[in-house]
């Protein structure tokens, strides 16, 4: 059993506004298999886990619950754009902690 695995999958799918069918097509399984992953009745193979990780832009460790952080692939951005994204994330975190006035 992988605690939280099914919930992480479902949350990632819904946050990207994808249907189970769309995810199934991307990773190469049936919709019912995606449903089984999201209901904790079945777990993906290593290959499918990698495809899910790629689709959602998270590490396999995140999917498996080994790490809590999420990552955003900004490799196609310029250095300036990447720095701007980083600054925005830092401001959002400070704002959430109440360290930055609204």
PDB file of N, CA and C in Angstrom:
ATOM      1  N   UNK A   1       0.840  -1.190   0.000  1.00  0.00           N
ATOM      2  CA  UNK A   1       0.000   0.000   0.000  1.00  0.00           C
ATOM      3  C   UNK A   1       0.877   1.243   0.000  1.00  0.00           C
ATOM      4  N   UNK A   2       0.498   2.215  -0.789  1.00  0.00           N
ATOM      5  CA  UNK A   2       1.229   3.474  -0.885  1.00  0.00           C
ATOM      6  C   UNK A   2       0.343   4.593  -0.341  1.00  0.00           C
ATOM      7  N   UNK A   3       0.526   4.975   0.916  1.00  0.00           N
ATOM      8  CA  UNK A   3      -0.337   5.996   1.521  1.00  0.00           C
ATOM      9  C   UNK A   3      -0.357   7.290   0.719  1.00  0.00           C
ATOM     10  N   UNK A   4      -1.543   7.742   0.362  1.00  0.00           N
ATOM     11  CA  UNK A   4      -1.708   9.007  -0.342  1.00  0.00           C
ATOM     12  C   UNK A   4      -1.492   8.954  -1.847  1.00  0.00           C
ATOM     13  N   UNK A   5      -1.038   7.817  -2.369  1.00  0.00           N
ATOM     14  CA  UNK A   5      -0.740   7.727  -3.802  1.00  0.00           C
ATOM     15  C   UNK A   5      -1.971   8.056  -4.647  1.00  0.00           C
ATOM     16  N   UNK A   6      -3.080   7.394  -4.353  1.00  0.00           N
ATOM     17  CA  UNK A   6      -4.290   7.589  -5.169  1.00  0.00           C
ATOM     18  C   UNK A   6      -4.786   9.033  -5.087  1.00  0.00           C
ATOM     19  N   UNK A   7      -4.725   9.627  -3.918  1.00  0.00           N
ATOM     20  CA  UNK A   7      -5.170  11.010  -3.755  1.00  0.00           C
ATOM     21  C   UNK A   7      -4.262  11.980  -4.516  1.00  0.00           C
ATOM     22  N   UNK A   8      -2.951  11.743  -4.461  1.00  0.00           N
ATOM     23  CA  UNK A   8      -2.025  12.592  -5.219  1.00  0.00           C
ATOM     24  C   UNK A   8      -2.333  12.514  -6.709  1.00  0.00           C
ATOM     25  N   UNK A   9      -2.547  11.289  -7.216  1.00  0.00           N
ATOM     26  CA  UNK A   9      -2.854  11.136  -8.642  1.00  0.00           C
ATOM     27  C   UNK A   9      -4.119  11.893  -9.033  1.00  0.00           C
ATOM     28  N   UNK A  10      -5.153  11.716  -8.239  1.00  0.00           N
ATOM     29  CA  UNK A  10      -6.425  12.368  -8.562  1.00  0.00           C
ATOM     30  C   UNK A  10      -6.293  13.888  -8.477  1.00  0.00           C
ATOM     31  N   UNK A  11      -5.617  14.386  -7.444  1.00  0.00           N
ATOM     32  CA  UNK A  11      -5.436  15.835  -7.309  1.00  0.00           C
ATOM     33  C   UNK A  11      -4.632  16.416  -8.458  1.00  0.00           C
ATOM     34  N   UNK A  12      -3.585  15.717  -8.874  1.00  0.00           N
ATOM     35  CA  UNK A  12      -2.788  16.195 -10.008  1.00  0.00           C
ATOM     36  C   UNK A  12      -3.618  16.213 -11.285  1.00  0.00           C
ATOM     37  N   UNK A  13      -4.395  15.160 -11.497  1.00  0.00           N
ATOM     38  CA  UNK A  13      -5.229  15.080 -12.711  1.00  0.00           C
ATOM     39  C   UNK A  13      -6.251  16.211 -12.740  1.00  0.00           C
ATOM     40  N   UNK A  14      -6.952  16.402 -11.627  1.00  0.00           N
ATOM     41  CA  UNK A  14      -7.991  17.429 -11.611  1.00  0.00           C
ATOM     42  C   UNK A  14      -7.395  18.837 -11.669  1.00  0.00           C
ATOM     43  N   UNK A  15      -6.213  19.032 -11.076  1.00  0.00           N
ATOM     44  CA  UNK A  15      -5.597  20.359 -11.141  1.00  0.00           C
ATOM     45  C   UNK A  15      -5.176  20.706 -12.563  1.00  0.00           C
ATOM     46  N   UNK A  16      -4.899  19.704 -13.370  1.00  0.00           N
ATOM     47  CA  UNK A  16      -4.558  19.932 -14.781  1.00  0.00           C
ATOM     48  C   UNK A  16      -5.794  19.884 -15.680  1.00  0.00           C
ATOM     49  N   UNK A  17      -6.964  19.693 -15.051  1.00  0.00           N
ATOM     50  CA  UNK A  17      -8.245  19.644 -15.769  1.00  0.00           C
ATOM     51  C   UNK A  17      -8.254  18.559 -16.845  1.00  0.00           C
ATOM     52  N   UNK A  18      -7.720  17.388 -16.472  1.00  0.00           N
ATOM     53  CA  UNK A  18      -7.703  16.239 -17.372  1.00  0.00           C
ATOM     54  C   UNK A  18      -8.731  15.215 -16.937  1.00  0.00           C
ATOM     55  N   UNK A  19      -9.281  14.501 -17.901  1.00  0.00           N
ATOM     56  CA  UNK A  19     -10.172  13.396 -17.583  1.00  0.00           C
ATOM     57  C   UNK A  19      -9.339  12.126 -17.415  1.00  0.00           C
ATOM     58  N   UNK A  20      -9.934  11.123 -16.808  1.00  0.00           N
ATOM     59  CA  UNK A  20      -9.247   9.841 -16.694  1.00  0.00           C
ATOM     60  C   UNK A  20      -8.946   9.283 -18.079  1.00  0.00           C
ATOM     61  N   UNK A  21      -9.824   9.490 -19.021  1.00  0.00           N
ATOM     62  CA  UNK A  21      -9.608   9.011 -20.385  1.00  0.00           C
ATOM     63  C   UNK A  21      -8.399   9.684 -21.022  1.00  0.00           C
ATOM     64  N   UNK A  22      -8.257  10.990 -20.828  1.00  0.00           N
ATOM     65  CA  UNK A  22      -7.114  11.708 -21.390  1.00  0.00           C
ATOM     66  C   UNK A  22      -5.796  11.211 -20.789  1.00  0.00           C
ATOM     67  N   UNK A  23      -5.796  10.991 -19.484  1.00  0.00           N
ATOM     68  CA  UNK A  23      -4.599  10.470 -18.824  1.00  0.00           C
ATOM     69  C   UNK A  23      -4.285   9.074 -19.353  1.00  0.00           C
ATOM     70  N   UNK A  24      -5.323   8.253 -19.481  1.00  0.00           N
ATOM     71  CA  UNK A  24      -5.145   6.882 -19.973  1.00  0.00           C
ATOM     72  C   UNK A  24      -4.515   6.866 -21.362  1.00  0.00           C
ATOM     73  N   UNK A  25      -4.976   7.735 -22.228  1.00  0.00           N
ATOM     74  CA  UNK A  25      -4.421   7.808 -23.588  1.00  0.00           C
ATOM     75  C   UNK A  25      -2.949   8.206 -23.534  1.00  0.00           C
ATOM     76  N   UNK A  26      -2.622   9.196 -22.709  1.00  0.00           N
ATOM     77  CA  UNK A  26      -1.236   9.664 -22.616  1.00  0.00           C
ATOM     78  C   UNK A  26      -0.302   8.565 -22.118  1.00  0.00           C
ATOM     79  N   UNK A  27      -0.730   7.824 -21.096  1.00  0.00           N
ATOM     80  CA  UNK A  27       0.177   6.823 -20.513  1.00  0.00           C
ATOM     81  C   UNK A  27       0.039   5.450 -21.162  1.00  0.00           C
ATOM     82  N   UNK A  28      -0.988   5.253 -21.981  1.00  0.00           N
ATOM     83  CA  UNK A  28      -1.115   4.000 -22.725  1.00  0.00           C
ATOM     84  C   UNK A  28      -1.803   2.869 -21.987  1.00  0.00           C
ATOM     85  N   UNK A  29      -2.802   3.224 -21.174  1.00  0.00           N
ATOM     86  CA  UNK A  29      -3.607   2.207 -20.486  1.00  0.00           C
ATOM     87  C   UNK A  29      -5.081   2.558 -20.679  1.00  0.00           C
ATOM     88  N   UNK A  30      -5.960   1.730 -20.158  1.00  0.00           N
ATOM     89  CA  UNK A  30      -7.392   2.024 -20.272  1.00  0.00           C
ATOM     90  C   UNK A  30      -7.837   2.986 -19.165  1.00  0.00           C
ATOM     91  N   UNK A  31      -8.978   3.613 -19.375  1.00  0.00           N
ATOM     92  CA  UNK A  31      -9.535   4.518 -18.368  1.00  0.00           C
ATOM     93  C   UNK A  31      -9.785   3.784 -17.060  1.00  0.00           C
ATOM     94  N   UNK A  32     -10.218   2.531 -17.142  1.00  0.00           N
ATOM     95  CA  UNK A  32     -10.504   1.766 -15.923  1.00  0.00           C
ATOM     96  C   UNK A  32      -9.232   1.522 -15.097  1.00  0.00           C
ATOM     97  N   UNK A  33      -8.096   1.440 -15.760  1.00  0.00           N
ATOM     98  CA  UNK A  33      -6.824   1.282 -15.043  1.00  0.00           C
ATOM     99  C   UNK A  33      -6.506   2.562 -14.269  1.00  0.00           C
ATOM    100  N   UNK A  34      -6.713   3.723 -14.907  1.00  0.00           N
ATOM    101  CA  UNK A  34      -6.491   4.999 -14.217  1.00  0.00           C
ATOM    102  C   UNK A  34      -7.432   5.095 -13.024  1.00  0.00           C
ATOM    103  N   UNK A  35      -8.674   4.686 -13.200  1.00  0.00           N
ATOM    104  CA  UNK A  35      -9.635   4.680 -12.103  1.00  0.00           C
ATOM    105  C   UNK A  35      -9.158   3.782 -10.961  1.00  0.00           C
ATOM    106  N   UNK A  36      -8.602   2.632 -11.304  1.00  0.00           N
ATOM    107  CA  UNK A  36      -8.083   1.713 -10.279  1.00  0.00           C
ATOM    108  C   UNK A  36      -6.899   2.326  -9.532  1.00  0.00           C
ATOM    109  N   UNK A  37      -6.041   3.060 -10.243  1.00  0.00           N
ATOM    110  CA  UNK A  37      -4.927   3.746  -9.584  1.00  0.00           C
ATOM    111  C   UNK A  37      -5.456   4.784  -8.592  1.00  0.00           C
ATOM    112  N   UNK A  38      -6.499   5.509  -9.011  1.00  0.00           N
ATOM    113  CA  UNK A  38      -7.046   6.583  -8.181  1.00  0.00           C
ATOM    114  C   UNK A  38      -7.923   6.074  -7.045  1.00  0.00           C
ATOM    115  N   UNK A  39      -8.273   4.806  -7.065  1.00  0.00           N
ATOM    116  CA  UNK A  39      -9.087   4.248  -5.980  1.00  0.00           C
ATOM    117  C   UNK A  39      -8.302   3.259  -5.124  1.00  0.00           C
ATOM    118  N   UNK A  40      -6.993   3.241  -5.297  1.00  0.00           N
ATOM    119  CA  UNK A  40      -6.100   2.399  -4.488  1.00  0.00           C
ATOM    120  C   UNK A  40      -6.353   0.903  -4.627  1.00  0.00           C
ATOM    121  N   UNK A  41      -6.835   0.487  -5.788  1.00  0.00           N
ATOM    122  CA  UNK A  41      -7.047  -0.954  -5.996  1.00  0.00           C
ATOM    123  C   UNK A  41      -5.985  -1.564  -6.903  1.00  0.00           C
ATOM    124  N   UNK A  42      -5.148  -0.692  -7.473  1.00  0.00           N
ATOM    125  CA  UNK A  42      -4.088  -1.160  -8.358  1.00  0.00           C
ATOM    126  C   UNK A  42      -2.983  -0.114  -8.399  1.00  0.00           C
ATOM    127  N   UNK A  43      -1.748  -0.566  -8.633  1.00  0.00           N
ATOM    128  CA  UNK A  43      -0.613   0.342  -8.726  1.00  0.00           C
ATOM    129  C   UNK A  43       0.059   0.202 -10.083  1.00  0.00           C
ATOM    130  N   UNK A  44       0.612   1.315 -10.591  1.00  0.00           N
ATOM    131  CA  UNK A  44       1.228   1.275 -11.920  1.00  0.00           C
ATOM    132  C   UNK A  44       2.573   0.563 -11.933  1.00  0.00           C
ATOM    133  N   UNK A  45       2.920   0.074 -13.108  1.00  0.00           N
ATOM    134  CA  UNK A  45       4.263  -0.480 -13.309  1.00  0.00           C
ATOM    135  C   UNK A  45       5.254   0.686 -13.294  1.00  0.00           C
ATOM    136  N   UNK A  46       6.521   0.349 -13.253  1.00  0.00           N
ATOM    137  CA  UNK A  46       7.571   1.369 -13.265  1.00  0.00           C
ATOM    138  C   UNK A  46       7.449   2.258 -14.507  1.00  0.00           C
ATOM    139  N   UNK A  47       7.229   1.655 -15.664  1.00  0.00           N
ATOM    140  CA  UNK A  47       7.116   2.390 -16.918  1.00  0.00           C
ATOM    141  C   UNK A  47       5.948   3.376 -16.878  1.00  0.00           C
ATOM    142  N   UNK A  48       4.807   2.932 -16.396  1.00  0.00           N
ATOM    143  CA  UNK A  48       3.622   3.798 -16.314  1.00  0.00           C
ATOM    144  C   UNK A  48       3.849   4.892 -15.273  1.00  0.00           C
ATOM    145  N   UNK A  49       4.505   4.559 -14.179  1.00  0.00           N
ATOM    146  CA  UNK A  49       4.824   5.550 -13.151  1.00  0.00           C
ATOM    147  C   UNK A  49       5.669   6.686 -13.747  1.00  0.00           C
ATOM    148  N   UNK A  50       6.630   6.336 -14.589  1.00  0.00           N
ATOM    149  CA  UNK A  50       7.447   7.353 -15.252  1.00  0.00           C
ATOM    150  C   UNK A  50       6.612   8.226 -16.181  1.00  0.00           C
ATOM    151  N   UNK A  51       5.685   7.617 -16.896  1.00  0.00           N
ATOM    152  CA  UNK A  51       4.819   8.392 -17.801  1.00  0.00           C
ATOM    153  C   UNK A  51       3.904   9.337 -17.015  1.00  0.00           C
ATOM    154  N   UNK A  52       3.371   8.850 -15.890  1.00  0.00           N
ATOM    155  CA  UNK A  52       2.530   9.705 -15.047  1.00  0.00           C
ATOM    156  C   UNK A  52       3.346  10.878 -14.495  1.00  0.00           C
ATOM    157  N   UNK A  53       4.555  10.592 -14.077  1.00  0.00           N
ATOM    158  CA  UNK A  53       5.456  11.622 -13.566  1.00  0.00           C
ATOM    159  C   UNK A  53       5.702  12.690 -14.634  1.00  0.00           C
ATOM    160  N   UNK A  54       5.942  12.260 -15.850  1.00  0.00           N
ATOM    161  CA  UNK A  54       6.177  13.186 -16.953  1.00  0.00           C
ATOM    162  C   UNK A  54       4.933  14.015 -17.254  1.00  0.00           C
ATOM    163  N   UNK A  55       3.800  13.378 -17.304  1.00  0.00           N
ATOM    164  CA  UNK A  55       2.543  14.069 -17.600  1.00  0.00           C
ATOM    165  C   UNK A  55       2.259  15.153 -16.571  1.00  0.00           C
ATOM    166  N   UNK A  56       2.436  14.835 -15.302  1.00  0.00           N
ATOM    167  CA  UNK A  56       2.084  15.769 -14.233  1.00  0.00           C
ATOM    168  C   UNK A  56       3.215  16.716 -13.853  1.00  0.00           C
ATOM    169  N   UNK A  57       4.411  16.501 -14.391  1.00  0.00           N
ATOM    170  CA  UNK A  57       5.516  17.393 -14.080  1.00  0.00           C
ATOM    171  C   UNK A  57       5.996  17.294 -12.642  1.00  0.00           C
ATOM    172  N   UNK A  58       5.939  16.082 -12.098  1.00  0.00           N
ATOM    173  CA  UNK A  58       6.411  15.840 -10.731  1.00  0.00           C
ATOM    174  C   UNK A  58       7.378  14.665 -10.757  1.00  0.00           C
ATOM    175  N   UNK A  59       8.114  14.493  -9.688  1.00  0.00           N
ATOM    176  CA  UNK A  59       9.035  13.365  -9.617  1.00  0.00           C
ATOM    177  C   UNK A  59       8.277  12.095  -9.239  1.00  0.00           C
ATOM    178  N   UNK A  60       8.868  10.960  -9.541  1.00  0.00           N
ATOM    179  CA  UNK A  60       8.265   9.692  -9.115  1.00  0.00           C
ATOM    180  C   UNK A  60       8.268   9.614  -7.594  1.00  0.00           C
ATOM    181  N   UNK A  61       9.278  10.194  -6.954  1.00  0.00           N
ATOM    182  CA  UNK A  61       9.306  10.225  -5.488  1.00  0.00           C
ATOM    183  C   UNK A  61       8.092  10.963  -4.934  1.00  0.00           C
ATOM    184  N   UNK A  62       7.699  12.056  -5.590  1.00  0.00           N
ATOM    185  CA  UNK A  62       6.502  12.782  -5.156  1.00  0.00           C
ATOM    186  C   UNK A  62       5.265  11.889  -5.292  1.00  0.00           C
ATOM    187  N   UNK A  63       5.130  11.237  -6.440  1.00  0.00           N
ATOM    188  CA  UNK A  63       3.970  10.364  -6.642  1.00  0.00           C
ATOM    189  C   UNK A  63       3.909   9.257  -5.594  1.00  0.00           C
ATOM    190  N   UNK A  64       5.068   8.723  -5.246  1.00  0.00           N
ATOM    191  CA  UNK A  64       5.126   7.612  -4.292  1.00  0.00           C
ATOM    192  C   UNK A  64       5.083   8.065  -2.836  1.00  0.00           C
ATOM    193  N   UNK A  65       5.118   9.372  -2.606  1.00  0.00           N
ATOM    194  CA  UNK A  65       5.040   9.875  -1.241  1.00  0.00           C
ATOM    195  C   UNK A  65       6.369   9.943  -0.518  1.00  0.00           C
ATOM    196  N   UNK A  66       7.474   9.764  -1.253  1.00  0.00           N
ATOM    197  CA  UNK A  66       8.797   9.814  -0.640  1.00  0.00           C
ATOM    198  C   UNK A  66       9.193  11.262  -0.349  1.00  0.00           C
ATOM    199  N   UNK A  67       8.798  12.165  -1.217  1.00  0.00           N
ATOM    200  CA  UNK A  67       9.084  13.580  -1.008  1.00  0.00           C
ATOM    201  C   UNK A  67       7.793  14.357  -1.129  1.00  0.00           C
ATOM    202  N   UNK A  68       7.742  15.473  -0.455  1.00  0.00           N
ATOM    203  CA  UNK A  68       6.515  16.258  -0.434  1.00  0.00           C
ATOM    204  C   UNK A  68       6.504  17.361  -1.473  1.00  0.00           C
ATOM    205  N   UNK A  69       7.666  17.799  -1.921  1.00  0.00           N
ATOM    206  CA  UNK A  69       7.740  18.924  -2.847  1.00  0.00           C
ATOM    207  C   UNK A  69       7.244  18.602  -4.237  1.00  0.00           C
ATOM    208  N   UNK A  70       6.797  19.635  -4.913  1.00  0.00           N
ATOM    209  CA  UNK A  70       6.416  19.524  -6.316  1.00  0.00           C
ATOM    210  C   UNK A  70       7.362  20.401  -7.111  1.00  0.00           C
ATOM    211  N   UNK A  71       7.602  20.018  -8.340  1.00  0.00           N
ATOM    212  CA  UNK A  71       8.540  20.745  -9.169  1.00  0.00           C
ATOM    213  C   UNK A  71       7.869  21.190 -10.452  1.00  0.00           C
ATOM    214  N   UNK A  72       8.328  22.317 -10.943  1.00  0.00           N
ATOM    215  CA  UNK A  72       7.811  22.880 -12.180  1.00  0.00           C
ATOM    216  C   UNK A  72       8.955  22.913 -13.185  1.00  0.00           C
ATOM    217  N   UNK A  73       8.728  22.350 -14.355  1.00  0.00           N
ATOM    218  CA  UNK A  73       9.760  22.329 -15.388  1.00  0.00           C
ATOM    219  C   UNK A  73       9.791  23.678 -16.091  1.00  0.00           C
ATOM    220  N   UNK A  74      10.841  24.434 -15.835  1.00  0.00           N
ATOM    221  CA  UNK A  74      11.004  25.744 -16.474  1.00  0.00           C
ATOM    222  C   UNK A  74      12.232  25.755 -17.377  1.00  0.00           C
ATOM    223  N   UNK A  75      12.631  24.572 -17.805  1.00  0.00           N
ATOM    224  CA  UNK A  75      13.858  24.438 -18.598  1.00  0.00           C
ATOM    225  C   UNK A  75      13.796  25.169 -19.941  1.00  0.00           C
ATOM    226  N   UNK A  76      12.620  25.442 -20.450  1.00  0.00           N
ATOM    227  CA  UNK A  76      12.516  26.133 -21.733  1.00  0.00           C
ATOM    228  C   UNK A  76      12.450  27.648 -21.589  1.00  0.00           C
ATOM    229  N   UNK A  77      12.511  28.144 -20.353  1.00  0.00           N
ATOM    230  CA  UNK A  77      12.490  29.579 -20.117  1.00  0.00           C
ATOM    231  C   UNK A  77      13.904  30.140 -20.152  1.00  0.00           C
ATOM    232  N   UNK A  78      13.990  31.418 -20.461  1.00  0.00           N
ATOM    233  CA  UNK A  78      15.291  32.088 -20.408  1.00  0.00           C
ATOM    234  C   UNK A  78      15.692  32.250 -18.946  1.00  0.00           C
ATOM    235  N   UNK A  79      16.950  32.610 -18.726  1.00  0.00           N
ATOM    236  CA  UNK A  79      17.424  32.822 -17.349  1.00  0.00           C
ATOM    237  C   UNK A  79      16.600  33.916 -16.661  1.00  0.00           C
ATOM    238  N   UNK A  80      16.308  34.963 -17.385  1.00  0.00           N
ATOM    239  CA  UNK A  80      15.522  36.071 -16.817  1.00  0.00           C
ATOM    240  C   UNK A  80      14.109  35.616 -16.470  1.00  0.00           C
ATOM    241  N   UNK A  81      13.479  34.868 -17.373  1.00  0.00           N
ATOM    242  CA  UNK A  81      12.128  34.358 -17.114  1.00  0.00           C
ATOM    243  C   UNK A  81      12.120  33.409 -15.920  1.00  0.00           C
ATOM    244  N   UNK A  82      13.123  32.538 -15.841  1.00  0.00           N
ATOM    245  CA  UNK A  82      13.221  31.596 -14.726  1.00  0.00           C
ATOM    246  C   UNK A  82      13.403  32.336 -13.402  1.00  0.00           C
ATOM    247  N   UNK A  83      14.206  33.394 -13.417  1.00  0.00           N
ATOM    248  CA  UNK A  83      14.412  34.191 -12.202  1.00  0.00           C
ATOM    249  C   UNK A  83      13.118  34.870 -11.779  1.00  0.00           C
ATOM    250  N   UNK A  84      12.342  35.351 -12.746  1.00  0.00           N
ATOM    251  CA  UNK A  84      11.062  35.992 -12.445  1.00  0.00           C
ATOM    252  C   UNK A  84      10.096  34.990 -11.814  1.00  0.00           C
ATOM    253  N   UNK A  85      10.040  33.794 -12.354  1.00  0.00           N
ATOM    254  CA  UNK A  85       9.173  32.747 -11.794  1.00  0.00           C
ATOM    255  C   UNK A  85       9.613  32.429 -10.371  1.00  0.00           C
ATOM    256  N   UNK A  86      10.905  32.306 -10.150  1.00  0.00           N
ATOM    257  CA  UNK A  86      11.440  32.013  -8.820  1.00  0.00           C
ATOM    258  C   UNK A  86      11.060  33.104  -7.822  1.00  0.00           C
ATOM    259  N   UNK A  87      11.186  34.354  -8.224  1.00  0.00           N
ATOM    260  CA  UNK A  87      10.818  35.473  -7.358  1.00  0.00           C
ATOM    261  C   UNK A  87       9.326  35.450  -7.029  1.00  0.00           C
ATOM    262  N   UNK A  88       8.505  35.130  -8.020  1.00  0.00           N
ATOM    263  CA  UNK A  88       7.065  35.061  -7.791  1.00  0.00           C
ATOM    264  C   UNK A  88       6.727  33.970  -6.779  1.00  0.00           C
ATOM    265  N   UNK A  89       7.367  32.823  -6.905  1.00  0.00           N
ATOM    266  CA  UNK A  89       7.126  31.720  -5.974  1.00  0.00           C
ATOM    267  C   UNK A  89       7.527  32.132  -4.560  1.00  0.00           C
ATOM    268  N   UNK A  90       8.693  32.751  -4.426  1.00  0.00           N
ATOM    269  CA  UNK A  90       9.145  33.208  -3.113  1.00  0.00           C
ATOM    270  C   UNK A  90       8.168  34.201  -2.501  1.00  0.00           C
ATOM    271  N   UNK A  91       7.648  35.134  -3.292  1.00  0.00           N
ATOM    272  CA  UNK A  91       6.670  36.105  -2.796  1.00  0.00           C
ATOM    273  C   UNK A  91       5.371  35.424  -2.371  1.00  0.00           C
ATOM    274  N   UNK A  92       4.921  34.459  -3.149  1.00  0.00           N
ATOM    275  CA  UNK A  92       3.702  33.734  -2.782  1.00  0.00           C
ATOM    276  C   UNK A  92       3.869  32.987  -1.464  1.00  0.00           C
ATOM    277  N   UNK A  93       5.026  32.372  -1.269  1.00  0.00           N
ATOM    278  CA  UNK A  93       5.290  31.644  -0.026  1.00  0.00           C
ATOM    279  C   UNK A  93       5.319  32.620   1.153  1.00  0.00           C
ATOM    280  N   UNK A  94       6.007  33.749   0.983  1.00  0.00           N
ATOM    281  CA  UNK A  94       6.038  34.755   2.048  1.00  0.00           C
ATOM    282  C   UNK A  94       4.648  35.288   2.349  1.00  0.00           C
ATOM    283  N   UNK A  95       3.877  35.532   1.300  1.00  0.00           N
ATOM    284  CA  UNK A  95       2.507  36.021   1.474  1.00  0.00           C
ATOM    285  C   UNK A  95       1.671  35.006   2.243  1.00  0.00           C
ATOM    286  N   UNK A  96       1.822  33.744   1.897  1.00  0.00           N
ATOM    287  CA  UNK A  96       1.058  32.680   2.572  1.00  0.00           C
ATOM    288  C   UNK A  96       1.415  32.618   4.052  1.00  0.00           C
ATOM    289  N   UNK A  97       2.681  32.870   4.370  1.00  0.00           N
ATOM    290  CA  UNK A  97       3.142  32.836   5.761  1.00  0.00           C
ATOM    291  C   UNK A  97       2.813  34.125   6.496  1.00  0.00           C
ATOM    292  N   UNK A  98       2.239  35.097   5.792  1.00  0.00           N
ATOM    293  CA  UNK A  98       1.883  36.364   6.416  1.00  0.00           C
ATOM    294  C   UNK A  98       3.036  37.337   6.536  1.00  0.00           C
ATOM    295  N   UNK A  99       4.132  37.073   5.868  1.00  0.00           N
ATOM    296  CA  UNK A  99       5.307  37.920   5.957  1.00  0.00           C
ATOM    297  C   UNK A  99       5.272  39.092   4.974  1.00  0.00           C
ATOM    298  N   UNK A 100       4.318  39.076   4.040  1.00  0.00           N
ATOM    299  CA  UNK A 100       4.204  40.131   3.045  1.00  0.00           C
ATOM    300  C   UNK A 100       2.789  40.700   3.150  1.00  0.00           C
ATOM    301  N   UNK A 101       2.650  42.004   3.275  1.00  0.00           N
ATOM    302  CA  UNK A 101       1.295  42.593   3.358  1.00  0.00           C
ATOM    303  C   UNK A 101       0.510  42.377   2.080  1.00  0.00           C
ATOM    304  N   UNK A 102      -0.790  42.258   2.213  1.00  0.00           N
ATOM    305  CA  UNK A 102      -1.670  42.024   1.060  1.00  0.00           C
ATOM    306  C   UNK A 102      -1.797  43.244   0.198  1.00  0.00           C
TER     307      UNK A 102
END
